[in-house]
Amino acid sequence: MLHYLWMFVVGIVVGEIARFFVPGAGHMGLVVTGVLGLVGSFVGGFIARLFSKPAPGAPIHPAGILLSIVGAVLVLWVWTHFAV
């Protein structure tokens, strides 16, 4: 259970960093920011696995937090440009 709470806390941090880079995304709540960070982490993990596979037994990809932020920026950009 604490793993999910930790994932959400990291998602909030990643989402806040992504909101800093994308203009016009300042009116989101804490929960939406956390969800944005979580989805961005999954997108960043997918991008990382396209280029290289993590070592067997490694819990995370070495570029995890950086690509999580990149993924969150991409998701937030898509959200602000295509959301109704």
N, C-alpha and C. Protein backbone atom coordinates (compact mmCIF):
# COMPACT_ATOMS: atom_id res chain seq x y z
N MET A 1 0.83 -1.20 0.00
CA MET A 1 0.00 0.00 0.00
C MET A 1 0.86 1.26 0.00
N LEU A 2 1.96 1.23 0.75
CA LEU A 2 2.82 2.41 0.79
C LEU A 2 3.52 2.65 -0.54
N HIS A 3 3.70 1.59 -1.33
CA HIS A 3 4.30 1.74 -2.65
C HIS A 3 3.43 2.65 -3.52
N TYR A 4 2.12 2.48 -3.48
CA TYR A 4 1.22 3.31 -4.27
C TYR A 4 1.22 4.75 -3.77
N LEU A 5 1.31 4.94 -2.48
CA LEU A 5 1.39 6.28 -1.93
C LEU A 5 2.69 6.96 -2.37
N TRP A 6 3.79 6.23 -2.34
CA TRP A 6 5.07 6.77 -2.79
C TRP A 6 5.02 7.12 -4.28
N MET A 7 4.40 6.26 -5.08
CA MET A 7 4.26 6.54 -6.51
C MET A 7 3.48 7.84 -6.72
N PHE A 8 2.44 8.06 -5.95
CA PHE A 8 1.64 9.27 -6.10
C PHE A 8 2.42 10.51 -5.68
N VAL A 9 3.20 10.40 -4.62
CA VAL A 9 4.01 11.54 -4.16
C VAL A 9 5.05 11.90 -5.23
N VAL A 10 5.71 10.90 -5.79
CA VAL A 10 6.66 11.15 -6.86
C VAL A 10 5.93 11.72 -8.07
N GLY A 11 4.73 11.23 -8.36
CA GLY A 11 3.93 11.77 -9.45
C GLY A 11 3.59 13.24 -9.27
N ILE A 12 3.32 13.64 -8.04
CA ILE A 12 3.04 15.05 -7.75
C ILE A 12 4.28 15.90 -8.05
N VAL A 13 5.43 15.43 -7.62
CA VAL A 13 6.67 16.18 -7.85
C VAL A 13 6.97 16.27 -9.35
N VAL A 14 6.86 15.15 -10.05
CA VAL A 14 7.11 15.14 -11.50
C VAL A 14 6.09 16.03 -12.21
N GLY A 15 4.83 15.97 -11.81
CA GLY A 15 3.79 16.80 -12.42
C GLY A 15 4.03 18.28 -12.19
N GLU A 16 4.49 18.65 -11.00
CA GLU A 16 4.79 20.05 -10.72
C GLU A 16 5.96 20.55 -11.57
N ILE A 17 6.97 19.71 -11.74
CA ILE A 17 8.10 20.10 -12.59
C ILE A 17 7.64 20.27 -14.03
N ALA A 18 6.78 19.36 -14.50
CA ALA A 18 6.26 19.46 -15.87
C ALA A 18 5.42 20.72 -16.04
N ARG A 19 4.64 21.08 -15.03
CA ARG A 19 3.82 22.29 -15.11
C ARG A 19 4.69 23.53 -15.20
N PHE A 20 5.90 23.48 -14.65
CA PHE A 20 6.83 24.59 -14.73
C PHE A 20 7.28 24.82 -16.17
N PHE A 21 7.43 23.74 -16.95
CA PHE A 21 7.95 23.83 -18.31
C PHE A 21 6.87 24.12 -19.35
N VAL A 22 5.62 23.83 -19.08
CA VAL A 22 4.55 24.02 -20.07
C VAL A 22 3.74 25.26 -19.67
N PRO A 23 3.75 26.31 -20.50
CA PRO A 23 2.99 27.51 -20.16
C PRO A 23 1.48 27.28 -20.27
N GLY A 24 0.73 27.92 -19.42
CA GLY A 24 -0.72 27.84 -19.48
C GLY A 24 -1.32 26.66 -18.75
N ALA A 25 -0.53 25.95 -17.97
CA ALA A 25 -1.05 24.78 -17.26
C ALA A 25 -1.08 25.02 -15.75
N GLY A 26 -1.33 26.24 -15.34
CA GLY A 26 -1.25 26.58 -13.93
C GLY A 26 -2.51 26.36 -13.12
N HIS A 27 -3.60 25.97 -13.71
CA HIS A 27 -4.87 25.86 -12.98
C HIS A 27 -5.29 24.40 -12.78
N MET A 28 -4.35 23.57 -12.37
CA MET A 28 -4.65 22.16 -12.11
C MET A 28 -4.56 21.91 -10.61
N GLY A 29 -5.39 21.02 -10.12
CA GLY A 29 -5.36 20.67 -8.72
C GLY A 29 -4.26 19.67 -8.39
N LEU A 30 -4.14 19.35 -7.12
CA LEU A 30 -3.11 18.45 -6.64
C LEU A 30 -3.31 17.03 -7.17
N VAL A 31 -4.54 16.56 -7.18
CA VAL A 31 -4.83 15.20 -7.65
C VAL A 31 -4.54 15.07 -9.14
N VAL A 32 -4.96 16.06 -9.93
CA VAL A 32 -4.72 16.03 -11.37
C VAL A 32 -3.22 16.11 -11.65
N THR A 33 -2.50 16.89 -10.87
CA THR A 33 -1.05 16.99 -11.03
C THR A 33 -0.40 15.65 -10.73
N GLY A 34 -0.86 14.96 -9.70
CA GLY A 34 -0.33 13.64 -9.37
C GLY A 34 -0.61 12.62 -10.45
N VAL A 35 -1.81 12.65 -10.98
CA VAL A 35 -2.16 11.74 -12.08
C VAL A 35 -1.33 12.06 -13.32
N LEU A 36 -1.14 13.34 -13.59
CA LEU A 36 -0.29 13.76 -14.70
C LEU A 36 1.12 13.20 -14.54
N GLY A 37 1.67 13.29 -13.35
CA GLY A 37 3.01 12.77 -13.10
C GLY A 37 3.08 11.26 -13.25
N LEU A 38 2.05 10.55 -12.80
CA LEU A 38 2.02 9.09 -12.95
C LEU A 38 1.94 8.68 -14.41
N VAL A 39 1.07 9.32 -15.16
CA VAL A 39 0.95 9.00 -16.59
C VAL A 39 2.24 9.38 -17.31
N GLY A 40 2.82 10.50 -16.95
CA GLY A 40 4.09 10.90 -17.53
C GLY A 40 5.21 9.92 -17.22
N SER A 41 5.18 9.34 -16.05
CA SER A 41 6.18 8.33 -15.70
C SER A 41 6.04 7.09 -16.56
N PHE A 42 4.81 6.69 -16.81
CA PHE A 42 4.60 5.53 -17.69
C PHE A 42 5.04 5.84 -19.12
N VAL A 43 4.73 7.05 -19.60
CA VAL A 43 5.16 7.44 -20.95
C VAL A 43 6.68 7.51 -21.01
N GLY A 44 7.31 8.10 -20.01
CA GLY A 44 8.76 8.18 -19.97
C GLY A 44 9.41 6.80 -19.89
N GLY A 45 8.80 5.88 -19.14
CA GLY A 45 9.32 4.52 -19.09
C GLY A 45 9.20 3.81 -20.43
N PHE A 46 8.11 4.06 -21.12
CA PHE A 46 7.94 3.48 -22.45
C PHE A 46 8.99 4.01 -23.42
N ILE A 47 9.25 5.32 -23.36
CA ILE A 47 10.28 5.92 -24.21
C ILE A 47 11.65 5.32 -23.88
N ALA A 48 11.95 5.16 -22.61
CA ALA A 48 13.24 4.60 -22.20
C ALA A 48 13.41 3.18 -22.70
N ARG A 49 12.35 2.39 -22.64
CA ARG A 49 12.44 1.00 -23.10
C ARG A 49 12.52 0.88 -24.61
N LEU A 50 12.13 1.91 -25.33
CA LEU A 50 12.30 1.89 -26.78
C LEU A 50 13.77 1.95 -27.17
N PHE A 51 14.57 2.67 -26.37
CA PHE A 51 15.97 2.87 -26.71
C PHE A 51 16.90 1.85 -26.06
N SER A 52 16.61 1.43 -24.85
CA SER A 52 17.45 0.44 -24.20
C SER A 52 16.65 -0.31 -23.14
N LYS A 53 16.99 -1.55 -22.98
CA LYS A 53 16.35 -2.38 -21.96
C LYS A 53 17.11 -2.25 -20.65
N PRO A 54 16.41 -2.18 -19.52
CA PRO A 54 17.13 -2.12 -18.24
C PRO A 54 17.81 -3.46 -17.95
N ALA A 55 18.80 -3.42 -17.10
CA ALA A 55 19.51 -4.65 -16.73
C ALA A 55 18.55 -5.62 -16.04
N PRO A 56 18.76 -6.92 -16.23
CA PRO A 56 17.88 -7.90 -15.57
C PRO A 56 17.93 -7.73 -14.05
N GLY A 57 16.76 -7.65 -13.46
CA GLY A 57 16.65 -7.50 -12.02
C GLY A 57 16.67 -6.07 -11.54
N ALA A 58 16.89 -5.11 -12.43
CA ALA A 58 16.90 -3.71 -12.03
C ALA A 58 15.46 -3.23 -11.81
N PRO A 59 15.17 -2.61 -10.68
CA PRO A 59 13.79 -2.19 -10.41
C PRO A 59 13.34 -1.01 -11.26
N ILE A 60 14.27 -0.13 -11.63
CA ILE A 60 13.91 1.04 -12.43
C ILE A 60 14.93 1.23 -13.54
N HIS A 61 14.56 2.00 -14.52
CA HIS A 61 15.47 2.35 -15.60
C HIS A 61 16.40 3.45 -15.09
N PRO A 62 17.67 3.45 -15.47
CA PRO A 62 18.60 4.47 -14.97
C PRO A 62 18.15 5.91 -15.24
N ALA A 63 17.50 6.15 -16.34
CA ALA A 63 17.05 7.51 -16.67
C ALA A 63 15.63 7.75 -16.21
N GLY A 64 15.20 7.07 -15.17
CA GLY A 64 13.81 7.08 -14.75
C GLY A 64 13.21 8.44 -14.45
N ILE A 65 13.79 9.21 -13.55
CA ILE A 65 13.16 10.46 -13.14
C ILE A 65 13.24 11.49 -14.26
N LEU A 66 14.34 11.51 -15.00
CA LEU A 66 14.47 12.46 -16.10
C LEU A 66 13.44 12.17 -17.20
N LEU A 67 13.31 10.92 -17.58
CA LEU A 67 12.33 10.58 -18.62
C LEU A 67 10.90 10.64 -18.09
N SER A 68 10.72 10.51 -16.79
CA SER A 68 9.39 10.73 -16.22
C SER A 68 8.97 12.18 -16.41
N ILE A 69 9.91 13.10 -16.21
CA ILE A 69 9.61 14.51 -16.40
C ILE A 69 9.34 14.80 -17.88
N VAL A 70 10.16 14.21 -18.77
CA VAL A 70 9.95 14.39 -20.21
C VAL A 70 8.58 13.85 -20.61
N GLY A 71 8.24 12.67 -20.11
CA GLY A 71 6.93 12.09 -20.41
C GLY A 71 5.79 12.94 -19.88
N ALA A 72 5.95 13.48 -18.68
CA ALA A 72 4.90 14.33 -18.11
C ALA A 72 4.75 15.63 -18.89
N VAL A 73 5.86 16.18 -19.38
CA VAL A 73 5.78 17.39 -20.21
C VAL A 73 5.03 17.08 -21.50
N LEU A 74 5.33 15.93 -22.11
CA LEU A 74 4.61 15.54 -23.33
C LEU A 74 3.12 15.37 -23.08
N VAL A 75 2.78 14.67 -21.99
CA VAL A 75 1.36 14.44 -21.67
C VAL A 75 0.67 15.77 -21.37
N LEU A 76 1.33 16.64 -20.64
CA LEU A 76 0.72 17.94 -20.31
C LEU A 76 0.56 18.81 -21.55
N TRP A 77 1.54 18.77 -22.45
CA TRP A 77 1.42 19.54 -23.68
C TRP A 77 0.24 19.04 -24.51
N VAL A 78 0.11 17.73 -24.63
CA VAL A 78 -1.03 17.16 -25.37
C VAL A 78 -2.33 17.54 -24.68
N TRP A 79 -2.36 17.48 -23.36
CA TRP A 79 -3.57 17.80 -22.59
C TRP A 79 -3.98 19.26 -22.82
N THR A 80 -3.02 20.19 -22.77
CA THR A 80 -3.38 21.60 -22.92
C THR A 80 -3.75 21.98 -24.34
N HIS A 81 -3.26 21.24 -25.32
CA HIS A 81 -3.54 21.59 -26.71
C HIS A 81 -4.75 20.86 -27.31
N PHE A 82 -5.09 19.69 -26.79
CA PHE A 82 -6.14 18.90 -27.40
C PHE A 82 -7.32 18.61 -26.49
N ALA A 83 -7.26 18.99 -25.23
CA ALA A 83 -8.38 18.76 -24.32
C ALA A 83 -9.49 19.76 -24.62
N VAL A 84 -10.70 19.33 -24.47
CA VAL A 84 -11.85 20.19 -24.76
C VAL A 84 -12.16 21.04 -23.56
